[in-house]
Amino acid sequence: MTRLAFPSRSSLFIVLLASMLSACANAPQSSLAEKGILQLRQALQISPDAATARLQYGHIVARNAVQEHDPFCVFEIDTVRPETQVIAPGEFLVTGISRSVETFAGMPVAPLVEHFPRLNRRVSFSDDDSPTHIYYKTTFRLRDAKQPVRALTCMSNQNAPGNANFMRHLTLAEISGALGEWFTLKLEPSGNRP
C-alpha cells in the first residue's frame, strides 16, 4: 500500500502566501478616480515644524487666530520639517471627498447626535448640556506627483446658540470664500458634492 505524503503546514502557508503575493502583483492597477482639481494659484509657505496652513476670509491665518464659528480650511502636506516649506503653484488631483462630524478633540459625534445635539453630554462644561465644539468637516484628499500634498479640510464650529436645527456642512461658496485667491476648487459634477 502506497502512503501519500501531505505537505506540512508551513509548506502550505508558504505556497498560499506566494500565490497571494503573485495575485496582488499581477492584479490590474486601479487608478484613483478623480473627483476634481484643487489649484494653488501662488506659492504657499508652511511654517517650520508644521505640515498645515489655515485659510479664512481668503487669507492665511495663524493657527490660534482662526475664528472657528466662521468657515475655514486647513491645507495639509505629508511632511513636517524644521524649516519653512514652500508649496509651488500647481494643480492637485482631488482623489476623494469625505464628510464627518467631530468634536473639538477630533472625536466623531454619534449619528443620532447629528440630529439631536442636546443628547451628547460627553464634551461639555458643567453648566452646559451639549458639546462645546461641533465641526461639520469636508475633507478633499489630494495627490500630486511632484509635491507632498495630502488634504484640504474645510469646516466651521457649528455649535452656536439657536443653531441646532441648522447644523450642516459648508457649501462650495463658503469654502471658496475661505480659500480666497489662494486656491480654486474645481469639482466634477455630482449630486453629493458640497
N, C-alpha and C. Protein backbone atom coordinates (compact mmCIF):
# COMPACT_ATOMS: atom_id res chain seq x y z
N MET A 1 0.84 -1.16 0.00
CA MET A 1 0.00 0.00 0.00
C MET A 1 0.89 1.23 0.00
N THR A 2 0.58 2.15 -0.88
CA THR A 2 1.38 3.35 -1.01
C THR A 2 0.84 4.41 -0.06
N ARG A 3 1.74 5.01 0.63
CA ARG A 3 1.34 6.05 1.58
C ARG A 3 1.55 7.42 0.92
N LEU A 4 0.51 8.24 0.98
CA LEU A 4 0.60 9.59 0.40
C LEU A 4 1.27 10.54 1.40
N ALA A 5 2.13 11.35 0.90
CA ALA A 5 2.80 12.35 1.75
C ALA A 5 2.09 13.69 1.56
N PHE A 6 1.62 14.24 2.65
CA PHE A 6 0.97 15.55 2.61
C PHE A 6 1.97 16.62 3.01
N PRO A 7 1.89 17.77 2.37
CA PRO A 7 2.83 18.84 2.74
C PRO A 7 2.58 19.33 4.17
N SER A 8 3.61 19.80 4.79
CA SER A 8 3.47 20.33 6.15
C SER A 8 2.70 21.64 6.13
N ARG A 9 2.25 22.06 7.29
CA ARG A 9 1.50 23.32 7.39
C ARG A 9 2.34 24.51 6.96
N SER A 10 3.60 24.50 7.33
CA SER A 10 4.46 25.63 6.95
C SER A 10 4.64 25.68 5.44
N SER A 11 4.72 24.51 4.78
CA SER A 11 4.84 24.49 3.32
C SER A 11 3.57 25.03 2.67
N LEU A 12 2.42 24.65 3.22
CA LEU A 12 1.14 25.16 2.69
C LEU A 12 1.05 26.68 2.87
N PHE A 13 1.50 27.15 4.03
CA PHE A 13 1.47 28.59 4.28
C PHE A 13 2.32 29.35 3.28
N ILE A 14 3.52 28.82 2.98
CA ILE A 14 4.43 29.48 2.03
C ILE A 14 3.82 29.50 0.64
N VAL A 15 3.21 28.39 0.23
CA VAL A 15 2.57 28.33 -1.10
C VAL A 15 1.40 29.31 -1.17
N LEU A 16 0.59 29.34 -0.12
CA LEU A 16 -0.55 30.25 -0.09
C LEU A 16 -0.08 31.71 -0.13
N LEU A 17 0.93 32.04 0.66
CA LEU A 17 1.46 33.40 0.68
C LEU A 17 2.03 33.79 -0.68
N ALA A 18 2.76 32.89 -1.32
CA ALA A 18 3.34 33.17 -2.63
C ALA A 18 2.25 33.40 -3.68
N SER A 19 1.18 32.59 -3.62
CA SER A 19 0.11 32.79 -4.60
C SER A 19 -0.64 34.09 -4.36
N MET A 20 -0.82 34.49 -3.10
CA MET A 20 -1.49 35.76 -2.81
C MET A 20 -0.65 36.94 -3.28
N LEU A 21 0.66 36.88 -3.02
CA LEU A 21 1.53 37.96 -3.46
C LEU A 21 1.59 38.05 -4.98
N SER A 22 1.58 36.91 -5.62
CA SER A 22 1.59 36.88 -7.08
C SER A 22 0.30 37.49 -7.63
N ALA A 23 -0.83 37.17 -6.98
CA ALA A 23 -2.11 37.73 -7.42
C ALA A 23 -2.11 39.24 -7.27
N CYS A 24 -1.55 39.74 -6.16
CA CYS A 24 -1.50 41.19 -5.95
C CYS A 24 -0.60 41.86 -6.98
N ALA A 25 0.52 41.22 -7.27
CA ALA A 25 1.48 41.81 -8.21
C ALA A 25 0.93 41.83 -9.63
N ASN A 26 0.10 40.85 -9.98
CA ASN A 26 -0.42 40.76 -11.34
C ASN A 26 -1.81 41.36 -11.50
N ALA A 27 -2.37 41.89 -10.40
CA ALA A 27 -3.71 42.49 -10.48
C ALA A 27 -3.62 43.78 -11.27
N PRO A 28 -4.67 44.10 -12.03
CA PRO A 28 -4.65 45.37 -12.75
C PRO A 28 -4.61 46.53 -11.78
N GLN A 29 -3.84 47.54 -12.13
CA GLN A 29 -3.73 48.72 -11.28
C GLN A 29 -5.01 49.53 -11.38
N SER A 30 -5.66 49.73 -10.26
CA SER A 30 -6.87 50.54 -10.28
C SER A 30 -6.48 51.96 -9.94
N SER A 31 -6.69 52.85 -10.88
CA SER A 31 -6.33 54.24 -10.63
C SER A 31 -7.41 54.89 -9.78
N LEU A 32 -6.98 55.83 -8.97
CA LEU A 32 -7.94 56.55 -8.14
C LEU A 32 -8.80 57.43 -9.04
N ALA A 33 -10.08 57.35 -8.82
CA ALA A 33 -10.99 58.16 -9.61
C ALA A 33 -10.79 59.63 -9.24
N GLU A 34 -10.67 60.45 -10.24
CA GLU A 34 -10.51 61.88 -9.99
C GLU A 34 -11.86 62.50 -9.68
N LYS A 35 -11.92 63.27 -8.61
CA LYS A 35 -13.14 63.95 -8.21
C LYS A 35 -13.10 65.42 -8.59
N GLY A 36 -11.91 65.87 -8.99
CA GLY A 36 -11.76 67.27 -9.37
C GLY A 36 -10.32 67.71 -9.22
N ILE A 37 -10.14 69.03 -9.21
CA ILE A 37 -8.81 69.64 -9.14
C ILE A 37 -8.84 70.75 -8.08
N LEU A 38 -7.77 70.83 -7.29
CA LEU A 38 -7.55 71.96 -6.40
C LEU A 38 -6.35 72.70 -6.96
N GLN A 39 -6.55 73.92 -7.39
CA GLN A 39 -5.48 74.71 -7.99
C GLN A 39 -4.95 75.71 -6.98
N LEU A 40 -3.64 75.62 -6.71
CA LEU A 40 -2.94 76.60 -5.88
C LEU A 40 -2.45 77.68 -6.83
N ARG A 41 -2.86 78.92 -6.59
CA ARG A 41 -2.57 79.99 -7.53
C ARG A 41 -1.29 80.76 -7.25
N GLN A 42 -0.75 80.63 -6.04
CA GLN A 42 0.51 81.30 -5.70
C GLN A 42 1.25 80.45 -4.69
N ALA A 43 2.55 80.63 -4.58
CA ALA A 43 3.36 79.82 -3.66
C ALA A 43 2.83 79.98 -2.23
N LEU A 44 2.76 78.86 -1.53
CA LEU A 44 2.24 78.83 -0.16
C LEU A 44 3.32 78.33 0.78
N GLN A 45 3.59 79.09 1.84
CA GLN A 45 4.60 78.70 2.81
C GLN A 45 3.97 77.97 3.99
N ILE A 46 4.58 76.84 4.33
CA ILE A 46 4.19 76.08 5.52
C ILE A 46 5.23 76.39 6.59
N SER A 47 4.79 76.81 7.76
CA SER A 47 5.70 77.22 8.84
C SER A 47 6.61 76.08 9.26
N PRO A 48 7.79 76.41 9.81
CA PRO A 48 8.69 75.37 10.33
C PRO A 48 7.98 74.50 11.37
N ASP A 49 8.34 73.23 11.41
CA ASP A 49 7.79 72.26 12.36
C ASP A 49 6.28 72.10 12.24
N ALA A 50 5.76 72.31 11.04
CA ALA A 50 4.32 72.16 10.81
C ALA A 50 4.09 71.48 9.46
N ALA A 51 2.87 71.03 9.25
CA ALA A 51 2.50 70.42 7.97
C ALA A 51 1.17 70.97 7.48
N THR A 52 0.73 72.09 8.07
CA THR A 52 -0.56 72.66 7.69
C THR A 52 -0.50 74.18 7.57
N ALA A 53 -1.44 74.69 6.81
CA ALA A 53 -1.68 76.14 6.73
C ALA A 53 -3.19 76.33 6.81
N ARG A 54 -3.62 77.34 7.54
CA ARG A 54 -5.05 77.62 7.70
C ARG A 54 -5.43 78.84 6.87
N LEU A 55 -6.60 78.72 6.23
CA LEU A 55 -7.10 79.81 5.40
C LEU A 55 -8.50 80.20 5.87
N GLN A 56 -8.72 81.50 5.98
CA GLN A 56 -10.04 82.01 6.38
C GLN A 56 -10.20 83.41 5.82
N TYR A 57 -11.42 83.72 5.37
CA TYR A 57 -11.73 85.02 4.76
C TYR A 57 -10.79 85.33 3.60
N GLY A 58 -10.26 84.30 2.95
CA GLY A 58 -9.38 84.49 1.80
C GLY A 58 -7.93 84.77 2.14
N HIS A 59 -7.55 84.60 3.42
CA HIS A 59 -6.19 84.90 3.86
C HIS A 59 -5.61 83.71 4.63
N ILE A 60 -4.28 83.64 4.66
CA ILE A 60 -3.59 82.69 5.54
C ILE A 60 -3.68 83.26 6.95
N VAL A 61 -4.08 82.43 7.91
CA VAL A 61 -4.20 82.90 9.30
C VAL A 61 -3.41 81.97 10.21
N ALA A 62 -2.96 82.51 11.32
CA ALA A 62 -2.22 81.71 12.30
C ALA A 62 -3.16 80.68 12.92
N ARG A 63 -2.57 79.61 13.37
CA ARG A 63 -3.36 78.52 13.98
C ARG A 63 -4.27 79.04 15.09
N ASN A 64 -3.77 79.93 15.92
CA ASN A 64 -4.57 80.42 17.04
C ASN A 64 -5.39 81.66 16.70
N ALA A 65 -5.45 82.05 15.43
CA ALA A 65 -6.22 83.23 15.03
C ALA A 65 -7.49 82.87 14.26
N VAL A 66 -7.77 81.59 14.10
CA VAL A 66 -8.96 81.17 13.36
C VAL A 66 -10.21 81.51 14.16
N GLN A 67 -11.17 82.13 13.49
CA GLN A 67 -12.49 82.39 14.07
C GLN A 67 -13.35 81.17 13.75
N GLU A 68 -13.42 80.23 14.68
CA GLU A 68 -13.92 78.90 14.39
C GLU A 68 -15.40 78.80 14.06
N HIS A 69 -16.20 79.81 14.37
CA HIS A 69 -17.62 79.76 14.01
C HIS A 69 -17.84 80.18 12.56
N ASP A 70 -16.80 80.70 11.92
CA ASP A 70 -16.88 81.07 10.51
C ASP A 70 -16.12 80.02 9.68
N PRO A 71 -16.48 79.85 8.40
CA PRO A 71 -15.82 78.85 7.57
C PRO A 71 -14.30 79.07 7.49
N PHE A 72 -13.55 77.97 7.61
CA PHE A 72 -12.11 78.00 7.42
C PHE A 72 -11.67 76.66 6.86
N CYS A 73 -10.47 76.64 6.25
CA CYS A 73 -9.92 75.43 5.65
C CYS A 73 -8.51 75.21 6.16
N VAL A 74 -8.12 73.94 6.23
CA VAL A 74 -6.77 73.56 6.63
C VAL A 74 -6.16 72.78 5.47
N PHE A 75 -5.09 73.34 4.88
CA PHE A 75 -4.36 72.69 3.81
C PHE A 75 -3.23 71.90 4.46
N GLU A 76 -3.11 70.61 4.11
CA GLU A 76 -2.17 69.72 4.78
C GLU A 76 -1.24 69.04 3.77
N ILE A 77 0.04 68.95 4.17
CA ILE A 77 1.02 68.25 3.35
C ILE A 77 1.53 67.03 4.13
N ASP A 78 2.33 66.20 3.48
CA ASP A 78 2.80 64.94 4.07
C ASP A 78 3.99 65.08 5.00
N THR A 79 4.69 66.20 4.94
CA THR A 79 5.97 66.28 5.65
C THR A 79 5.99 67.40 6.69
N VAL A 80 6.69 67.14 7.77
CA VAL A 80 6.99 68.15 8.79
C VAL A 80 8.50 68.32 8.77
N ARG A 81 8.94 69.56 8.65
CA ARG A 81 10.38 69.83 8.61
C ARG A 81 10.69 71.01 9.54
N PRO A 82 11.93 71.09 10.00
CA PRO A 82 12.31 72.19 10.89
C PRO A 82 12.40 73.53 10.17
N GLU A 83 12.42 73.51 8.84
CA GLU A 83 12.50 74.77 8.09
C GLU A 83 11.16 75.02 7.37
N THR A 84 10.99 76.25 6.89
CA THR A 84 9.81 76.60 6.12
C THR A 84 9.76 75.77 4.84
N GLN A 85 8.59 75.25 4.52
CA GLN A 85 8.39 74.50 3.28
C GLN A 85 7.54 75.34 2.34
N VAL A 86 7.88 75.35 1.07
CA VAL A 86 7.13 76.13 0.09
C VAL A 86 6.46 75.17 -0.88
N ILE A 87 5.16 75.31 -1.00
CA ILE A 87 4.40 74.54 -1.98
C ILE A 87 4.21 75.45 -3.19
N ALA A 88 4.69 74.98 -4.32
CA ALA A 88 4.64 75.78 -5.55
C ALA A 88 3.23 75.78 -6.14
N PRO A 89 2.89 76.84 -6.88
CA PRO A 89 1.59 76.86 -7.55
C PRO A 89 1.44 75.64 -8.46
N GLY A 90 0.25 75.13 -8.55
CA GLY A 90 0.01 73.96 -9.40
C GLY A 90 -1.39 73.44 -9.20
N GLU A 91 -1.67 72.34 -9.88
CA GLU A 91 -2.98 71.69 -9.78
C GLU A 91 -2.80 70.34 -9.11
N PHE A 92 -3.60 70.08 -8.09
CA PHE A 92 -3.56 68.84 -7.34
C PHE A 92 -4.85 68.07 -7.60
N LEU A 93 -4.73 66.77 -7.83
CA LEU A 93 -5.91 65.95 -8.07
C LEU A 93 -6.67 65.74 -6.77
N VAL A 94 -7.97 65.90 -6.82
CA VAL A 94 -8.84 65.55 -5.70
C VAL A 94 -9.24 64.10 -5.94
N THR A 95 -8.73 63.19 -5.10
CA THR A 95 -8.97 61.76 -5.31
C THR A 95 -10.08 61.20 -4.44
N GLY A 96 -10.53 61.97 -3.49
CA GLY A 96 -11.61 61.52 -2.62
C GLY A 96 -12.19 62.68 -1.84
N ILE A 97 -13.46 62.57 -1.54
CA ILE A 97 -14.15 63.59 -0.74
C ILE A 97 -14.92 62.86 0.35
N SER A 98 -14.71 63.28 1.59
CA SER A 98 -15.45 62.66 2.69
C SER A 98 -15.99 63.74 3.61
N ARG A 99 -17.03 63.37 4.32
CA ARG A 99 -17.63 64.28 5.29
C ARG A 99 -17.68 63.60 6.64
N SER A 100 -17.49 64.39 7.69
CA SER A 100 -17.57 63.87 9.04
C SER A 100 -18.09 64.95 9.97
N VAL A 101 -18.51 64.53 11.14
CA VAL A 101 -18.93 65.44 12.20
C VAL A 101 -18.10 65.08 13.41
N GLU A 102 -17.34 66.05 13.94
CA GLU A 102 -16.43 65.78 15.03
C GLU A 102 -16.51 66.86 16.09
N THR A 103 -16.09 66.50 17.31
CA THR A 103 -16.00 67.48 18.40
C THR A 103 -14.62 68.13 18.35
N PHE A 104 -14.33 69.02 19.26
CA PHE A 104 -13.06 69.73 19.24
C PHE A 104 -11.87 68.80 19.35
N ALA A 105 -12.03 67.64 19.97
CA ALA A 105 -10.92 66.72 20.14
C ALA A 105 -10.74 65.80 18.94
N GLY A 106 -11.53 65.99 17.92
CA GLY A 106 -11.43 65.13 16.75
C GLY A 106 -12.19 63.83 16.92
N MET A 107 -13.00 63.73 17.96
CA MET A 107 -13.77 62.52 18.19
C MET A 107 -15.09 62.61 17.42
N PRO A 108 -15.45 61.53 16.71
CA PRO A 108 -16.71 61.56 15.96
C PRO A 108 -17.90 61.76 16.88
N VAL A 109 -18.88 62.48 16.38
CA VAL A 109 -20.13 62.67 17.09
C VAL A 109 -21.05 61.55 16.64
N ALA A 110 -21.72 60.90 17.57
CA ALA A 110 -22.61 59.79 17.23
C ALA A 110 -23.66 60.24 16.22
N PRO A 111 -24.06 59.36 15.27
CA PRO A 111 -25.03 59.74 14.24
C PRO A 111 -26.31 60.34 14.80
N LEU A 112 -26.80 59.83 15.91
CA LEU A 112 -28.03 60.38 16.49
C LEU A 112 -27.82 61.82 16.94
N VAL A 113 -26.62 62.11 17.44
CA VAL A 113 -26.32 63.45 17.94
C VAL A 113 -26.28 64.46 16.80
N GLU A 114 -26.01 64.00 15.56
CA GLU A 114 -26.03 64.92 14.42
C GLU A 114 -27.39 65.59 14.30
N HIS A 115 -28.44 64.86 14.64
CA HIS A 115 -29.79 65.40 14.51
C HIS A 115 -30.35 65.92 15.84
N PHE A 116 -29.78 65.42 16.96
CA PHE A 116 -30.23 65.84 18.29
C PHE A 116 -29.02 66.15 19.16
N PRO A 117 -28.36 67.29 18.93
CA PRO A 117 -27.10 67.59 19.61
C PRO A 117 -27.21 67.65 21.13
N ARG A 118 -28.38 67.91 21.66
CA ARG A 118 -28.50 68.01 23.12
C ARG A 118 -28.34 66.65 23.80
N LEU A 119 -28.40 65.57 23.04
CA LEU A 119 -28.25 64.24 23.63
C LEU A 119 -26.81 63.95 24.01
N ASN A 120 -25.86 64.63 23.43
CA ASN A 120 -24.45 64.35 23.69
C ASN A 120 -23.97 65.19 24.87
N ARG A 121 -23.67 64.55 25.97
CA ARG A 121 -23.18 65.25 27.16
C ARG A 121 -21.71 64.92 27.42
N ARG A 122 -21.09 64.22 26.49
CA ARG A 122 -19.72 63.76 26.65
C ARG A 122 -18.72 64.90 26.71
N VAL A 123 -18.89 65.93 25.90
CA VAL A 123 -17.96 67.04 25.85
C VAL A 123 -18.73 68.30 26.22
N SER A 124 -18.71 68.66 27.49
CA SER A 124 -19.48 69.83 27.90
C SER A 124 -18.89 70.43 29.16
N PHE A 125 -19.31 71.65 29.44
CA PHE A 125 -18.96 72.29 30.68
C PHE A 125 -20.06 71.98 31.69
N SER A 126 -19.80 72.22 32.96
CA SER A 126 -20.77 71.83 33.99
C SER A 126 -22.10 72.55 33.85
N ASP A 127 -22.11 73.74 33.28
CA ASP A 127 -23.37 74.47 33.13
C ASP A 127 -23.95 74.34 31.72
N ASP A 128 -23.44 73.41 30.96
CA ASP A 128 -23.83 73.26 29.57
C ASP A 128 -24.23 71.80 29.35
N ASP A 129 -25.23 71.57 28.52
CA ASP A 129 -25.65 70.19 28.30
C ASP A 129 -25.40 69.71 26.88
N SER A 130 -24.50 70.36 26.15
CA SER A 130 -24.21 69.91 24.79
C SER A 130 -22.73 70.12 24.49
N PRO A 131 -22.22 69.51 23.41
CA PRO A 131 -20.80 69.71 23.07
C PRO A 131 -20.51 71.19 22.84
N THR A 132 -19.31 71.60 23.20
CA THR A 132 -18.94 72.99 23.03
C THR A 132 -18.43 73.28 21.63
N HIS A 133 -17.97 72.25 20.92
CA HIS A 133 -17.46 72.40 19.57
C HIS A 133 -17.98 71.24 18.73
N ILE A 134 -18.66 71.53 17.65
CA ILE A 134 -19.10 70.51 16.71
C ILE A 134 -18.73 71.00 15.32
N TYR A 135 -17.82 70.25 14.68
CA TYR A 135 -17.33 70.63 13.36
C TYR A 135 -17.91 69.72 12.30
N TYR A 136 -18.57 70.30 11.32
CA TYR A 136 -19.03 69.57 10.15
C TYR A 136 -17.91 69.73 9.12
N LYS A 137 -17.10 68.67 8.95
CA LYS A 137 -15.89 68.73 8.13
C LYS A 137 -16.12 68.11 6.75
N THR A 138 -15.57 68.78 5.74
CA THR A 138 -15.50 68.21 4.39
C THR A 138 -14.02 68.11 4.06
N THR A 139 -13.56 66.88 3.78
CA THR A 139 -12.14 66.64 3.50
C THR A 139 -11.96 66.23 2.05
N PHE A 140 -11.07 66.93 1.38
CA PHE A 140 -10.71 66.63 -0.01
C PHE A 140 -9.33 65.99 0.02
N ARG A 141 -9.22 64.71 -0.32
CA ARG A 141 -7.94 64.02 -0.39
C ARG A 141 -7.23 64.44 -1.67
N LEU A 142 -5.94 64.77 -1.55
CA LEU A 142 -5.18 65.31 -2.67
C LEU A 142 -4.03 64.40 -3.07
N ARG A 143 -3.64 64.52 -4.34
CA ARG A 143 -2.48 63.77 -4.84
C ARG A 143 -1.78 64.61 -5.89
N ASP A 144 -0.45 64.59 -5.82
CA ASP A 144 0.36 65.27 -6.82
C ASP A 144 1.68 64.51 -6.93
N ALA A 145 2.15 64.28 -8.14
CA ALA A 145 3.38 63.51 -8.35
C ALA A 145 4.63 64.29 -7.93
N LYS A 146 4.54 65.61 -7.87
CA LYS A 146 5.72 66.42 -7.62
C LYS A 146 5.82 67.00 -6.22
N GLN A 147 4.68 67.16 -5.55
CA GLN A 147 4.69 67.82 -4.25
C GLN A 147 3.96 66.97 -3.21
N PRO A 148 4.36 67.09 -1.93
CA PRO A 148 3.82 66.21 -0.89
C PRO A 148 2.47 66.67 -0.33
N VAL A 149 1.49 66.92 -1.19
CA VAL A 149 0.19 67.38 -0.72
C VAL A 149 -0.62 66.21 -0.17
N ARG A 150 -1.45 66.47 0.80
CA ARG A 150 -2.24 65.40 1.43
C ARG A 150 -3.74 65.68 1.39
N ALA A 151 -4.18 66.82 1.93
CA ALA A 151 -5.62 67.05 2.04
C ALA A 151 -5.93 68.52 2.24
N LEU A 152 -7.18 68.85 1.95
CA LEU A 152 -7.75 70.15 2.29
C LEU A 152 -9.02 69.83 3.06
N THR A 153 -9.11 70.31 4.30
CA THR A 153 -10.27 70.07 5.14
C THR A 153 -10.92 71.41 5.45
N CYS A 154 -12.21 71.52 5.14
CA CYS A 154 -12.94 72.77 5.36
C CYS A 154 -14.06 72.53 6.36
N MET A 155 -14.26 73.49 7.26
CA MET A 155 -15.21 73.29 8.35
C MET A 155 -15.55 74.61 9.03
N SER A 156 -16.45 74.54 9.98
CA SER A 156 -16.68 75.61 10.94
C SER A 156 -17.29 74.97 12.17
N ASN A 157 -17.14 75.65 13.31
CA ASN A 157 -17.74 75.17 14.55
C ASN A 157 -19.22 75.50 14.47
N GLN A 158 -20.05 74.49 14.34
CA GLN A 158 -21.48 74.70 14.13
C GLN A 158 -22.26 74.87 15.43
N ASN A 159 -21.60 74.71 16.57
CA ASN A 159 -22.33 74.81 17.83
C ASN A 159 -22.44 76.27 18.25
N ALA A 160 -23.61 76.82 18.05
CA ALA A 160 -23.89 78.20 18.45
C ALA A 160 -25.31 78.24 18.99
N PRO A 161 -25.62 79.15 19.89
CA PRO A 161 -26.98 79.22 20.42
C PRO A 161 -28.01 79.34 19.30
N GLY A 162 -29.02 78.49 19.36
CA GLY A 162 -30.10 78.54 18.38
C GLY A 162 -29.74 77.93 17.04
N ASN A 163 -28.60 77.28 16.93
CA ASN A 163 -28.12 76.76 15.65
C ASN A 163 -28.39 75.27 15.46
N ALA A 164 -28.90 74.58 16.46
CA ALA A 164 -29.03 73.12 16.44
C ALA A 164 -29.81 72.62 15.23
N ASN A 165 -30.84 73.31 14.83
CA ASN A 165 -31.65 72.86 13.70
C ASN A 165 -31.04 73.19 12.34
N PHE A 166 -29.96 73.96 12.33
CA PHE A 166 -29.38 74.41 11.07
C PHE A 166 -27.96 73.90 10.85
N MET A 167 -27.48 73.00 11.69
CA MET A 167 -26.12 72.49 11.54
C MET A 167 -25.98 71.75 10.21
N ARG A 168 -24.85 72.02 9.51
CA ARG A 168 -24.67 71.45 8.18
C ARG A 168 -23.22 71.57 7.76
N HIS A 169 -22.89 70.89 6.68
CA HIS A 169 -21.56 71.03 6.08
C HIS A 169 -21.53 72.33 5.28
N LEU A 170 -20.33 72.85 5.07
CA LEU A 170 -20.17 74.10 4.33
C LEU A 170 -20.57 73.93 2.87
N THR A 171 -21.06 75.00 2.29
CA THR A 171 -21.37 74.99 0.86
C THR A 171 -20.08 75.26 0.08
N LEU A 172 -20.12 75.01 -1.22
CA LEU A 172 -18.96 75.29 -2.06
C LEU A 172 -18.64 76.79 -2.06
N ALA A 173 -19.66 77.63 -2.00
CA ALA A 173 -19.43 79.08 -1.95
C ALA A 173 -18.73 79.47 -0.65
N GLU A 174 -19.10 78.86 0.47
CA GLU A 174 -18.44 79.16 1.75
C GLU A 174 -16.99 78.69 1.74
N ILE A 175 -16.75 77.52 1.15
CA ILE A 175 -15.38 77.01 1.04
C ILE A 175 -14.54 77.95 0.17
N SER A 176 -15.10 78.37 -0.96
CA SER A 176 -14.38 79.29 -1.84
C SER A 176 -14.09 80.61 -1.15
N GLY A 177 -15.01 81.09 -0.33
CA GLY A 177 -14.79 82.32 0.43
C GLY A 177 -13.65 82.19 1.41
N ALA A 178 -13.53 81.03 2.05
CA ALA A 178 -12.43 80.81 2.99
C ALA A 178 -11.10 80.74 2.25
N LEU A 179 -11.09 80.12 1.06
CA LEU A 179 -9.85 79.95 0.29
C LEU A 179 -9.39 81.22 -0.41
N GLY A 180 -10.33 82.08 -0.77
CA GLY A 180 -10.00 83.34 -1.43
C GLY A 180 -9.25 83.12 -2.73
N GLU A 181 -8.25 83.97 -2.98
CA GLU A 181 -7.46 83.90 -4.22
C GLU A 181 -6.35 82.86 -4.14
N TRP A 182 -6.16 82.23 -2.99
CA TRP A 182 -5.10 81.24 -2.84
C TRP A 182 -5.38 79.98 -3.64
N PHE A 183 -6.60 79.47 -3.52
CA PHE A 183 -6.96 78.20 -4.16
C PHE A 183 -8.24 78.35 -4.97
N THR A 184 -8.35 77.55 -6.03
CA THR A 184 -9.59 77.39 -6.78
C THR A 184 -9.92 75.91 -6.76
N LEU A 185 -11.13 75.59 -6.32
CA LEU A 185 -11.59 74.21 -6.25
C LEU A 185 -12.54 73.94 -7.40
N LYS A 186 -12.16 73.00 -8.26
CA LYS A 186 -12.99 72.63 -9.42
C LYS A 186 -13.38 71.18 -9.25
N LEU A 187 -14.64 70.92 -8.93
CA LEU A 187 -15.11 69.57 -8.70
C LEU A 187 -15.86 69.03 -9.90
N GLU A 188 -15.78 67.70 -10.07
CA GLU A 188 -16.55 67.04 -11.11
C GLU A 188 -18.02 67.10 -10.70
N PRO A 189 -18.93 67.23 -11.67
CA PRO A 189 -20.36 67.29 -11.34
C PRO A 189 -20.81 66.01 -10.64
N SER A 190 -21.53 66.18 -9.56
CA SER A 190 -22.09 65.04 -8.83
C SER A 190 -23.14 65.59 -7.88
N GLY A 191 -24.13 64.77 -7.62
CA GLY A 191 -25.21 65.19 -6.73
C GLY A 191 -24.81 65.32 -5.29
N ASN A 192 -23.71 64.67 -4.86
CA ASN A 192 -23.35 64.70 -3.45
C ASN A 192 -22.15 65.59 -3.15
N ARG A 193 -21.83 66.51 -4.01
CA ARG A 193 -20.72 67.41 -3.76
C ARG A 193 -21.18 68.57 -2.86
N PRO A 194 -20.23 69.18 -2.13
CA PRO A 194 -20.60 70.30 -1.25
C PRO A 194 -21.09 71.50 -2.03
